[in-house]
PDB file of all heavy atoms in Angstrom:
ATOM      1  N   LEU A   1       0.824  -1.211   0.001  1.00  0.00           N
ATOM      2  CA  LEU A   1       0.003   0.002   0.009  1.00  0.00           C
ATOM      3  C   LEU A   1       0.858   1.263  -0.004  1.00  0.00           C
ATOM      4  O   LEU A   1       0.579   2.223  -0.708  1.00  0.00           O
ATOM      5  CB  LEU A   1      -0.932   0.009   1.221  1.00  0.00           C
ATOM      6  CG  LEU A   1      -2.115  -0.941   1.185  1.00  0.00           C
ATOM      7  CD1 LEU A   1      -2.800  -0.959   2.537  1.00  0.00           C
ATOM      8  CD2 LEU A   1      -3.077  -0.550   0.094  1.00  0.00           C
ATOM      9  N   VAL A   2       1.922   1.247   0.792  1.00  0.00           N
ATOM     10  CA  VAL A   2       2.815   2.419   0.855  1.00  0.00           C
ATOM     11  C   VAL A   2       3.487   2.622  -0.506  1.00  0.00           C
ATOM     12  O   VAL A   2       3.609   3.762  -0.989  1.00  0.00           O
ATOM     13  CB  VAL A   2       3.891   2.219   1.965  1.00  0.00           C
ATOM     14  CG1 VAL A   2       4.944   3.311   1.907  1.00  0.00           C
ATOM     15  CG2 VAL A   2       3.223   2.228   3.328  1.00  0.00           C
ATOM     16  N   ALA A   3       3.867   1.544  -1.161  1.00  0.00           N
ATOM     17  CA  ALA A   3       4.564   1.650  -2.452  1.00  0.00           C
ATOM     18  C   ALA A   3       3.635   2.164  -3.571  1.00  0.00           C
ATOM     19  O   ALA A   3       4.106   2.655  -4.575  1.00  0.00           O
ATOM     20  CB  ALA A   3       5.151   0.293  -2.861  1.00  0.00           C
ATOM     21  N   GLN A   4       2.327   2.087  -3.361  1.00  0.00           N
ATOM     22  CA  GLN A   4       1.365   2.587  -4.381  1.00  0.00           C
ATOM     23  C   GLN A   4       1.188   4.097  -4.281  1.00  0.00           C
ATOM     24  O   GLN A   4       0.686   4.705  -5.209  1.00  0.00           O
ATOM     25  CB  GLN A   4       0.017   1.910  -4.193  1.00  0.00           C
ATOM     26  CG  GLN A   4       0.028   0.445  -4.568  1.00  0.00           C
ATOM     27  CD  GLN A   4      -1.299  -0.238  -4.282  1.00  0.00           C
ATOM     28  OE1 GLN A   4      -2.223   0.376  -3.786  1.00  0.00           O
ATOM     29  NE2 GLN A   4      -1.356  -1.527  -4.581  1.00  0.00           N
ATOM     30  N   LEU A   5       1.613   4.704  -3.177  1.00  0.00           N
ATOM     31  CA  LEU A   5       1.476   6.150  -3.006  1.00  0.00           C
ATOM     32  C   LEU A   5       2.597   6.885  -3.792  1.00  0.00           C
ATOM     33  O   LEU A   5       3.621   6.301  -4.114  1.00  0.00           O
ATOM     34  CB  LEU A   5       1.583   6.514  -1.535  1.00  0.00           C
ATOM     35  CG  LEU A   5       0.479   5.964  -0.620  1.00  0.00           C
ATOM     36  CD1 LEU A   5       0.812   6.275   0.830  1.00  0.00           C
ATOM     37  CD2 LEU A   5      -0.875   6.552  -0.968  1.00  0.00           C
ATOM     38  N   PRO A   6       2.391   8.167  -4.117  1.00  0.00           N
ATOM     39  CA  PRO A   6       3.456   8.917  -4.805  1.00  0.00           C
ATOM     40  C   PRO A   6       4.606   9.215  -3.847  1.00  0.00           C
ATOM     41  O   PRO A   6       4.459   9.218  -2.638  1.00  0.00           O
ATOM     42  CB  PRO A   6       2.759  10.211  -5.245  1.00  0.00           C
ATOM     43  CG  PRO A   6       1.647  10.366  -4.251  1.00  0.00           C
ATOM     44  CD  PRO A   6       1.203   9.001  -3.915  1.00  0.00           C
ATOM     45  N   CYS A   7       5.773   9.456  -4.412  1.00  0.00           N
ATOM     46  CA  CYS A   7       6.958   9.793  -3.631  1.00  0.00           C
ATOM     47  C   CYS A   7       6.677  11.060  -2.817  1.00  0.00           C
ATOM     48  O   CYS A   7       6.172  12.056  -3.335  1.00  0.00           O
ATOM     49  CB  CYS A   7       8.157  10.016  -4.556  1.00  0.00           C
ATOM     50  SG  CYS A   7       9.648  10.557  -3.720  1.00  0.00           S
ATOM     51  N   LEU A   8       6.994  11.018  -1.529  1.00  0.00           N
ATOM     52  CA  LEU A   8       6.729  12.174  -0.663  1.00  0.00           C
ATOM     53  C   LEU A   8       7.722  13.312  -0.918  1.00  0.00           C
ATOM     54  O   LEU A   8       7.452  14.443  -0.519  1.00  0.00           O
ATOM     55  CB  LEU A   8       6.780  11.770   0.816  1.00  0.00           C
ATOM     56  CG  LEU A   8       5.569  10.991   1.312  1.00  0.00           C
ATOM     57  CD1 LEU A   8       5.756  10.666   2.775  1.00  0.00           C
ATOM     58  CD2 LEU A   8       4.293  11.771   1.109  1.00  0.00           C
ATOM     59  N   HIS A   9       8.824  13.055  -1.565  1.00  0.00           N
ATOM     60  CA  HIS A   9       9.802  14.120  -1.771  1.00  0.00           C
ATOM     61  C   HIS A   9       9.611  14.811  -3.113  1.00  0.00           C
ATOM     62  O   HIS A   9       9.512  16.019  -3.197  1.00  0.00           O
ATOM     63  CB  HIS A   9      11.226  13.583  -1.647  1.00  0.00           C
ATOM     64  CG  HIS A   9      12.248  14.672  -1.704  1.00  0.00           C
ATOM     65  ND1 HIS A   9      12.998  14.907  -2.822  1.00  0.00           N
ATOM     66  CD2 HIS A   9      12.631  15.586  -0.790  1.00  0.00           C
ATOM     67  CE1 HIS A   9      13.812  15.920  -2.605  1.00  0.00           C
ATOM     68  NE2 HIS A   9      13.615  16.350  -1.364  1.00  0.00           N
ATOM     69  N   CYS A  10       9.548  14.007  -4.201  1.00  0.00           N
ATOM     70  CA  CYS A  10       9.436  14.632  -5.547  1.00  0.00           C
ATOM     71  C   CYS A  10       8.039  14.526  -6.123  1.00  0.00           C
ATOM     72  O   CYS A  10       7.756  15.197  -7.116  1.00  0.00           O
ATOM     73  CB  CYS A  10      10.469  14.030  -6.486  1.00  0.00           C
ATOM     74  SG  CYS A  10      10.184  12.299  -6.902  1.00  0.00           S
ATOM     75  N   GLY A  11       7.160  13.665  -5.582  1.00  0.00           N
ATOM     76  CA  GLY A  11       5.780  13.594  -6.031  1.00  0.00           C
ATOM     77  C   GLY A  11       5.550  12.682  -7.242  1.00  0.00           C
ATOM     78  O   GLY A  11       4.437  12.625  -7.755  1.00  0.00           O
ATOM     79  N   ILE A  12       6.557  11.971  -7.716  1.00  0.00           N
ATOM     80  CA  ILE A  12       6.386  11.127  -8.915  1.00  0.00           C
ATOM     81  C   ILE A  12       5.535   9.899  -8.552  1.00  0.00           C
ATOM     82  O   ILE A  12       5.644   9.355  -7.469  1.00  0.00           O
ATOM     83  CB  ILE A  12       7.762  10.714  -9.487  1.00  0.00           C
ATOM     84  CG1 ILE A  12       7.580  10.078 -10.858  1.00  0.00           C
ATOM     85  CG2 ILE A  12       8.505   9.792  -8.553  1.00  0.00           C
ATOM     86  CD1 ILE A  12       8.885   9.881 -11.584  1.00  0.00           C
ATOM     87  N   TRP A  13       4.672   9.493  -9.490  1.00  0.00           N
ATOM     88  CA  TRP A  13       3.819   8.313  -9.318  1.00  0.00           C
ATOM     89  C   TRP A  13       4.453   7.115 -10.004  1.00  0.00           C
ATOM     90  O   TRP A  13       5.143   7.247 -11.016  1.00  0.00           O
ATOM     91  CB  TRP A  13       2.443   8.560  -9.946  1.00  0.00           C
ATOM     92  CG  TRP A  13       1.524   9.383  -9.109  1.00  0.00           C
ATOM     93  CD1 TRP A  13       1.419  10.737  -9.117  1.00  0.00           C
ATOM     94  CD2 TRP A  13       0.600   8.927  -8.144  1.00  0.00           C
ATOM     95  NE1 TRP A  13       0.461  11.150  -8.229  1.00  0.00           N
ATOM     96  CE2 TRP A  13      -0.057  10.048  -7.600  1.00  0.00           C
ATOM     97  CE3 TRP A  13       0.227   7.672  -7.674  1.00  0.00           C
ATOM     98  CZ2 TRP A  13      -1.036   9.957  -6.654  1.00  0.00           C
ATOM     99  CZ3 TRP A  13      -0.747   7.577  -6.710  1.00  0.00           C
ATOM    100  CH2 TRP A  13      -1.376   8.713  -6.201  1.00  0.00           C
ATOM    101  N   GLY A  14       4.190   5.916  -9.472  1.00  0.00           N
ATOM    102  CA  GLY A  14       4.563   4.687 -10.158  1.00  0.00           C
ATOM    103  C   GLY A  14       5.956   4.165  -9.903  1.00  0.00           C
ATOM    104  O   GLY A  14       6.315   3.115 -10.428  1.00  0.00           O
ATOM    105  N   HIS A  15       6.783   4.870  -9.167  1.00  0.00           N
ATOM    106  CA  HIS A  15       8.158   4.414  -8.931  1.00  0.00           C
ATOM    107  C   HIS A  15       8.478   4.312  -7.428  1.00  0.00           C
ATOM    108  O   HIS A  15       9.640   4.206  -7.033  1.00  0.00           O
ATOM    109  CB  HIS A  15       9.159   5.343  -9.579  1.00  0.00           C
ATOM    110  CG  HIS A  15       9.091   5.370 -11.063  1.00  0.00           C
ATOM    111  ND1 HIS A  15       9.604   4.368 -11.846  1.00  0.00           N
ATOM    112  CD2 HIS A  15       8.513   6.260 -11.909  1.00  0.00           C
ATOM    113  CE1 HIS A  15       9.369   4.637 -13.111  1.00  0.00           C
ATOM    114  NE2 HIS A  15       8.715   5.793 -13.177  1.00  0.00           N
ATOM    115  N   SER A  16       7.447   4.376  -6.583  1.00  0.00           N
ATOM    116  CA  SER A  16       7.680   4.435  -5.146  1.00  0.00           C
ATOM    117  C   SER A  16       8.051   3.078  -4.547  1.00  0.00           C
ATOM    118  O   SER A  16       7.660   2.029  -5.051  1.00  0.00           O
ATOM    119  CB  SER A  16       6.450   4.968  -4.415  1.00  0.00           C
ATOM    120  OG  SER A  16       6.230   6.309  -4.760  1.00  0.00           O
ATOM    121  N   GLN A  17       8.802   3.169  -3.478  1.00  0.00           N
ATOM    122  CA  GLN A  17       9.148   2.033  -2.628  1.00  0.00           C
ATOM    123  C   GLN A  17       8.781   2.412  -1.191  1.00  0.00           C
ATOM    124  O   GLN A  17       8.734   3.588  -0.863  1.00  0.00           O
ATOM    125  CB  GLN A  17      10.634   1.725  -2.654  1.00  0.00           C
ATOM    126  CG  GLN A  17      11.183   1.278  -3.964  1.00  0.00           C
ATOM    127  CD  GLN A  17      12.691   1.106  -3.899  1.00  0.00           C
ATOM    128  OE1 GLN A  17      13.373   1.795  -3.147  1.00  0.00           O
ATOM    129  NE2 GLN A  17      13.209   0.164  -4.691  1.00  0.00           N
ATOM    130  N   ALA A  18       8.586   1.403  -0.345  1.00  0.00           N
ATOM    131  CA  ALA A  18       8.339   1.656   1.063  1.00  0.00           C
ATOM    132  C   ALA A  18       9.696   1.840   1.746  1.00  0.00           C
ATOM    133  O   ALA A  18      10.471   0.888   1.882  1.00  0.00           O
ATOM    134  CB  ALA A  18       7.578   0.511   1.707  1.00  0.00           C
ATOM    135  N   ALA A  19      10.004   3.059   2.119  1.00  0.00           N
ATOM    136  CA  ALA A  19      11.278   3.372   2.784  1.00  0.00           C
ATOM    137  C   ALA A  19      11.093   3.308   4.290  1.00  0.00           C
ATOM    138  O   ALA A  19      10.235   3.983   4.839  1.00  0.00           O
ATOM    139  CB  ALA A  19      11.742   4.777   2.368  1.00  0.00           C
ATOM    140  N   HIS A  20      11.851   2.469   4.944  1.00  0.00           N
ATOM    141  CA  HIS A  20      11.791   2.357   6.408  1.00  0.00           C
ATOM    142  C   HIS A  20      12.484   3.560   7.070  1.00  0.00           C
ATOM    143  O   HIS A  20      13.515   4.009   6.578  1.00  0.00           O
ATOM    144  CB  HIS A  20      12.466   1.078   6.903  1.00  0.00           C
ATOM    145  CG  HIS A  20      11.654  -0.161   6.647  1.00  0.00           C
ATOM    146  ND1 HIS A  20      11.671  -0.820   5.454  1.00  0.00           N
ATOM    147  CD2 HIS A  20      10.804  -0.815   7.459  1.00  0.00           C
ATOM    148  CE1 HIS A  20      10.863  -1.867   5.534  1.00  0.00           C
ATOM    149  NE2 HIS A  20      10.330  -1.889   6.753  1.00  0.00           N
ATOM    150  N   ALA A  21      11.897   4.035   8.122  1.00  0.00           N
ATOM    151  CA  ALA A  21      12.502   5.114   8.880  1.00  0.00           C
ATOM    152  C   ALA A  21      13.784   4.576   9.563  1.00  0.00           C
ATOM    153  O   ALA A  21      13.818   3.452  10.009  1.00  0.00           O
ATOM    154  CB  ALA A  21      11.547   5.646   9.935  1.00  0.00           C
ATOM    155  N   ASN A  22      14.828   5.374   9.588  1.00  0.00           N
ATOM    156  CA  ASN A  22      16.087   4.931  10.196  1.00  0.00           C
ATOM    157  C   ASN A  22      16.096   5.147  11.701  1.00  0.00           C
ATOM    158  O   ASN A  22      16.996   4.678  12.381  1.00  0.00           O
ATOM    159  CB  ASN A  22      17.266   5.672   9.533  1.00  0.00           C
ATOM    160  CG  ASN A  22      17.442   5.276   8.086  1.00  0.00           C
ATOM    161  OD1 ASN A  22      17.271   4.120   7.737  1.00  0.00           O
ATOM    162  ND2 ASN A  22      17.735   6.234   7.244  1.00  0.00           N
ATOM    163  N   THR A  23      15.132   5.857  12.224  1.00  0.00           N
ATOM    164  CA  THR A  23      15.066   6.111  13.672  1.00  0.00           C
ATOM    165  C   THR A  23      14.670   4.827  14.379  1.00  0.00           C
ATOM    166  O   THR A  23      13.726   4.154  13.977  1.00  0.00           O
ATOM    167  CB  THR A  23      14.010   7.196  13.964  1.00  0.00           C
ATOM    168  OG1 THR A  23      14.300   8.328  13.156  1.00  0.00           O
ATOM    169  CG2 THR A  23      14.035   7.602  15.425  1.00  0.00           C
ATOM    170  N   GLY A  24      15.401   4.481  15.409  1.00  0.00           N
ATOM    171  CA  GLY A  24      15.051   3.333  16.232  1.00  0.00           C
ATOM    172  C   GLY A  24      15.599   2.011  15.743  1.00  0.00           C
ATOM    173  O   GLY A  24      15.354   0.983  16.340  1.00  0.00           O
ATOM    174  N   LYS A  25      16.321   2.002  14.644  1.00  0.00           N
ATOM    175  CA  LYS A  25      16.917   0.733  14.211  1.00  0.00           C
ATOM    176  C   LYS A  25      18.447   0.851  14.337  1.00  0.00           C
ATOM    177  O   LYS A  25      19.000   1.916  14.378  1.00  0.00           O
ATOM    178  CB  LYS A  25      16.478   0.353  12.810  1.00  0.00           C
ATOM    179  CG  LYS A  25      17.053   1.186  11.689  1.00  0.00           C
ATOM    180  CD  LYS A  25      16.567   0.645  10.355  1.00  0.00           C
ATOM    181  CE  LYS A  25      17.216   1.378   9.219  1.00  0.00           C
ATOM    182  NZ  LYS A  25      16.788   0.905   7.917  1.00  0.00           N
ATOM    183  N   GLY A  26      19.042  -0.280  14.430  1.00  0.00           N
ATOM    184  CA  GLY A  26      20.485  -0.321  14.551  1.00  0.00           C
ATOM    185  C   GLY A  26      20.980  -1.707  14.327  1.00  0.00           C
ATOM    186  O   GLY A  26      20.304  -2.544  13.713  1.00  0.00           O
ATOM    187  N   MET A  27      22.166  -1.988  14.861  1.00  0.00           N
ATOM    188  CA  MET A  27      22.772  -3.280  14.639  1.00  0.00           C
ATOM    189  C   MET A  27      21.918  -4.363  15.272  1.00  0.00           C
ATOM    190  O   MET A  27      21.719  -4.401  16.479  1.00  0.00           O
ATOM    191  CB  MET A  27      24.149  -3.269  15.296  1.00  0.00           C
ATOM    192  CG  MET A  27      25.060  -4.282  14.761  1.00  0.00           C
ATOM    193  SD  MET A  27      26.695  -3.758  15.232  1.00  0.00           S
ATOM    194  CE  MET A  27      27.461  -5.277  15.564  1.00  0.00           C
ATOM    195  N   GLY A  28      21.397  -5.253  14.460  1.00  0.00           N
ATOM    196  CA  GLY A  28      20.570  -6.346  14.968  1.00  0.00           C
ATOM    197  C   GLY A  28      19.148  -5.930  15.291  1.00  0.00           C
ATOM    198  O   GLY A  28      18.366  -6.746  15.785  1.00  0.00           O
ATOM    199  N   THR A  29      18.785  -4.703  15.059  1.00  0.00           N
ATOM    200  CA  THR A  29      17.424  -4.219  15.340  1.00  0.00           C
ATOM    201  C   THR A  29      16.782  -3.841  14.017  1.00  0.00           C
ATOM    202  O   THR A  29      17.294  -3.014  13.281  1.00  0.00           O
ATOM    203  CB  THR A  29      17.458  -2.993  16.269  1.00  0.00           C
ATOM    204  OG1 THR A  29      18.228  -3.311  17.413  1.00  0.00           O
ATOM    205  CG2 THR A  29      16.072  -2.598  16.686  1.00  0.00           C
ATOM    206  N   LYS A  30      15.639  -4.436  13.726  1.00  0.00           N
ATOM    207  CA  LYS A  30      14.933  -4.154  12.491  1.00  0.00           C
ATOM    208  C   LYS A  30      13.850  -3.100  12.747  1.00  0.00           C
ATOM    209  O   LYS A  30      13.263  -3.062  13.806  1.00  0.00           O
ATOM    210  CB  LYS A  30      14.280  -5.433  11.961  1.00  0.00           C
ATOM    211  CG  LYS A  30      15.238  -6.556  11.724  1.00  0.00           C
ATOM    212  CD  LYS A  30      16.114  -6.263  10.553  1.00  0.00           C
ATOM    213  CE  LYS A  30      17.022  -7.471  10.274  1.00  0.00           C
ATOM    214  NZ  LYS A  30      18.129  -7.173   9.490  1.00  0.00           N
ATOM    215  N   ALA A  31      13.607  -2.284  11.760  1.00  0.00           N
ATOM    216  CA  ALA A  31      12.563  -1.288  11.842  1.00  0.00           C
ATOM    217  C   ALA A  31      11.217  -1.936  11.548  1.00  0.00           C
ATOM    218  O   ALA A  31      11.107  -2.886  10.768  1.00  0.00           O
ATOM    219  CB  ALA A  31      12.809  -0.152  10.862  1.00  0.00           C
ATOM    220  N   CYS A  32      10.180  -1.429  12.185  1.00  0.00           N
ATOM    221  CA  CYS A  32       8.822  -1.933  12.011  1.00  0.00           C
ATOM    222  C   CYS A  32       8.319  -1.510  10.618  1.00  0.00           C
ATOM    223  O   CYS A  32       8.624  -0.429  10.131  1.00  0.00           O
ATOM    224  CB  CYS A  32       7.959  -1.329  13.108  1.00  0.00           C
ATOM    225  SG  CYS A  32       6.232  -1.743  12.999  1.00  0.00           S
ATOM    226  N   ASP A  33       7.512  -2.384   9.996  1.00  0.00           N
ATOM    227  CA  ASP A  33       6.961  -2.053   8.690  1.00  0.00           C
ATOM    228  C   ASP A  33       5.955  -0.903   8.730  1.00  0.00           C
ATOM    229  O   ASP A  33       5.715  -0.256   7.711  1.00  0.00           O
ATOM    230  CB  ASP A  33       6.298  -3.285   8.084  1.00  0.00           C
ATOM    231  CG  ASP A  33       7.296  -4.276   7.538  1.00  0.00           C
ATOM    232  OD1 ASP A  33       8.494  -3.918   7.438  1.00  0.00           O
ATOM    233  OD2 ASP A  33       6.891  -5.408   7.202  1.00  0.00           O
ATOM    234  N   LEU A  34       5.396  -0.622   9.910  1.00  0.00           N
ATOM    235  CA  LEU A  34       4.476   0.512  10.022  1.00  0.00           C
ATOM    236  C   LEU A  34       5.217   1.830  10.011  1.00  0.00           C
ATOM    237  O   LEU A  34       4.607   2.885   9.829  1.00  0.00           O
ATOM    238  CB  LEU A  34       3.636   0.395  11.297  1.00  0.00           C
ATOM    239  CG  LEU A  34       2.701  -0.804  11.352  1.00  0.00           C
ATOM    240  CD1 LEU A  34       1.944  -0.816  12.681  1.00  0.00           C
ATOM    241  CD2 LEU A  34       1.745  -0.825  10.198  1.00  0.00           C
ATOM    242  N   GLN A  35       6.545   1.794  10.202  1.00  0.00           N
ATOM    243  CA  GLN A  35       7.353   3.014  10.203  1.00  0.00           C
ATOM    244  C   GLN A  35       7.972   3.219   8.817  1.00  0.00           C
ATOM    245  O   GLN A  35       9.170   3.353   8.640  1.00  0.00           O
ATOM    246  CB  GLN A  35       8.463   2.893  11.252  1.00  0.00           C
ATOM    247  CG  GLN A  35       7.975   2.674  12.664  1.00  0.00           C
ATOM    248  CD  GLN A  35       7.246   3.876  13.185  1.00  0.00           C
ATOM    249  OE1 GLN A  35       7.682   5.008  12.998  1.00  0.00           O
ATOM    250  NE2 GLN A  35       6.114   3.656  13.806  1.00  0.00           N
ATOM    251  N   THR A  36       7.111   3.233   7.793  1.00  0.00           N
ATOM    252  CA  THR A  36       7.568   3.403   6.420  1.00  0.00           C
ATOM    253  C   THR A  36       6.823   4.562   5.754  1.00  0.00           C
ATOM    254  O   THR A  36       5.785   4.996   6.226  1.00  0.00           O
ATOM    255  CB  THR A  36       7.314   2.122   5.582  1.00  0.00           C
ATOM    256  OG1 THR A  36       5.926   1.800   5.656  1.00  0.00           O
ATOM    257  CG2 THR A  36       8.135   0.975   6.079  1.00  0.00           C
ATOM    258  N   PHE A  37       7.426   5.051   4.681  1.00  0.00           N
ATOM    259  CA  PHE A  37       6.842   6.122   3.870  1.00  0.00           C
ATOM    260  C   PHE A  37       7.319   5.945   2.445  1.00  0.00           C
ATOM    261  O   PHE A  37       8.352   5.330   2.201  1.00  0.00           O
ATOM    262  CB  PHE A  37       7.194   7.499   4.446  1.00  0.00           C
ATOM    263  CG  PHE A  37       8.633   7.667   4.798  1.00  0.00           C
ATOM    264  CD1 PHE A  37       9.549   8.156   3.868  1.00  0.00           C
ATOM    265  CD2 PHE A  37       9.112   7.299   6.058  1.00  0.00           C
ATOM    266  CE1 PHE A  37      10.874   8.292   4.184  1.00  0.00           C
ATOM    267  CE2 PHE A  37      10.446   7.441   6.367  1.00  0.00           C
ATOM    268  CZ  PHE A  37      11.348   7.940   5.420  1.00  0.00           C
ATOM    269  N   PRO A  38       6.565   6.454   1.467  1.00  0.00           N
ATOM    270  CA  PRO A  38       6.926   6.214   0.062  1.00  0.00           C
ATOM    271  C   PRO A  38       8.003   7.188  -0.439  1.00  0.00           C
ATOM    272  O   PRO A  38       7.886   8.398  -0.277  1.00  0.00           O
ATOM    273  CB  PRO A  38       5.617   6.441  -0.678  1.00  0.00           C
ATOM    274  CG  PRO A  38       4.839   7.383   0.165  1.00  0.00           C
ATOM    275  CD  PRO A  38       5.244   7.087   1.584  1.00  0.00           C
ATOM    276  N   LEU A  39       9.046   6.623  -1.017  1.00  0.00           N
ATOM    277  CA  LEU A  39      10.079   7.391  -1.713  1.00  0.00           C
ATOM    278  C   LEU A  39      10.353   6.681  -3.013  1.00  0.00           C
ATOM    279  O   LEU A  39      10.311   5.435  -3.073  1.00  0.00           O
ATOM    280  CB  LEU A  39      11.357   7.501  -0.871  1.00  0.00           C
ATOM    281  CG  LEU A  39      11.286   8.400   0.365  1.00  0.00           C
ATOM    282  CD1 LEU A  39      12.595   8.317   1.128  1.00  0.00           C
ATOM    283  CD2 LEU A  39      10.983   9.822   0.010  1.00  0.00           C
ATOM    284  N   CYS A  40      10.701   7.403  -4.081  1.00  0.00           N
ATOM    285  CA  CYS A  40      10.874   6.774  -5.383  1.00  0.00           C
ATOM    286  C   CYS A  40      12.195   6.032  -5.458  1.00  0.00           C
ATOM    287  O   CYS A  40      13.185   6.387  -4.795  1.00  0.00           O
ATOM    288  CB  CYS A  40      10.764   7.808  -6.506  1.00  0.00           C
ATOM    289  SG  CYS A  40      11.996   9.096  -6.487  1.00  0.00           S
ATOM    290  N   ALA A  41      12.205   4.988  -6.297  1.00  0.00           N
ATOM    291  CA  ALA A  41      13.380   4.136  -6.483  1.00  0.00           C
ATOM    292  C   ALA A  41      14.279   4.715  -7.573  1.00  0.00           C
ATOM    293  O   ALA A  41      13.891   5.613  -8.315  1.00  0.00           O
ATOM    294  CB  ALA A  41      12.931   2.732  -6.870  1.00  0.00           C
ATOM    295  N   ASP A  42      15.476   4.161  -7.654  1.00  0.00           N
ATOM    296  CA  ASP A  42      16.400   4.546  -8.727  1.00  0.00           C
ATOM    297  C   ASP A  42      15.801   4.096 -10.060  1.00  0.00           C
ATOM    298  O   ASP A  42      15.206   3.029 -10.173  1.00  0.00           O
ATOM    299  CB  ASP A  42      17.754   3.869  -8.547  1.00  0.00           C
ATOM    300  CG  ASP A  42      18.507   4.400  -7.346  1.00  0.00           C
ATOM    301  OD1 ASP A  42      18.161   5.497  -6.858  1.00  0.00           O
ATOM    302  OD2 ASP A  42      19.474   3.741  -6.912  1.00  0.00           O
TER     303      ASP A  42
END
């Protein structure tokens, strides 16, 4: 669902990925899937 939304930075449709927030994750700690937002892929 997150990947279907437009990129939050540039607004392009159709190229989004679910980008996990880097806050709260670290070595051996995975970020929660609910902590994601759409950003476009390369």
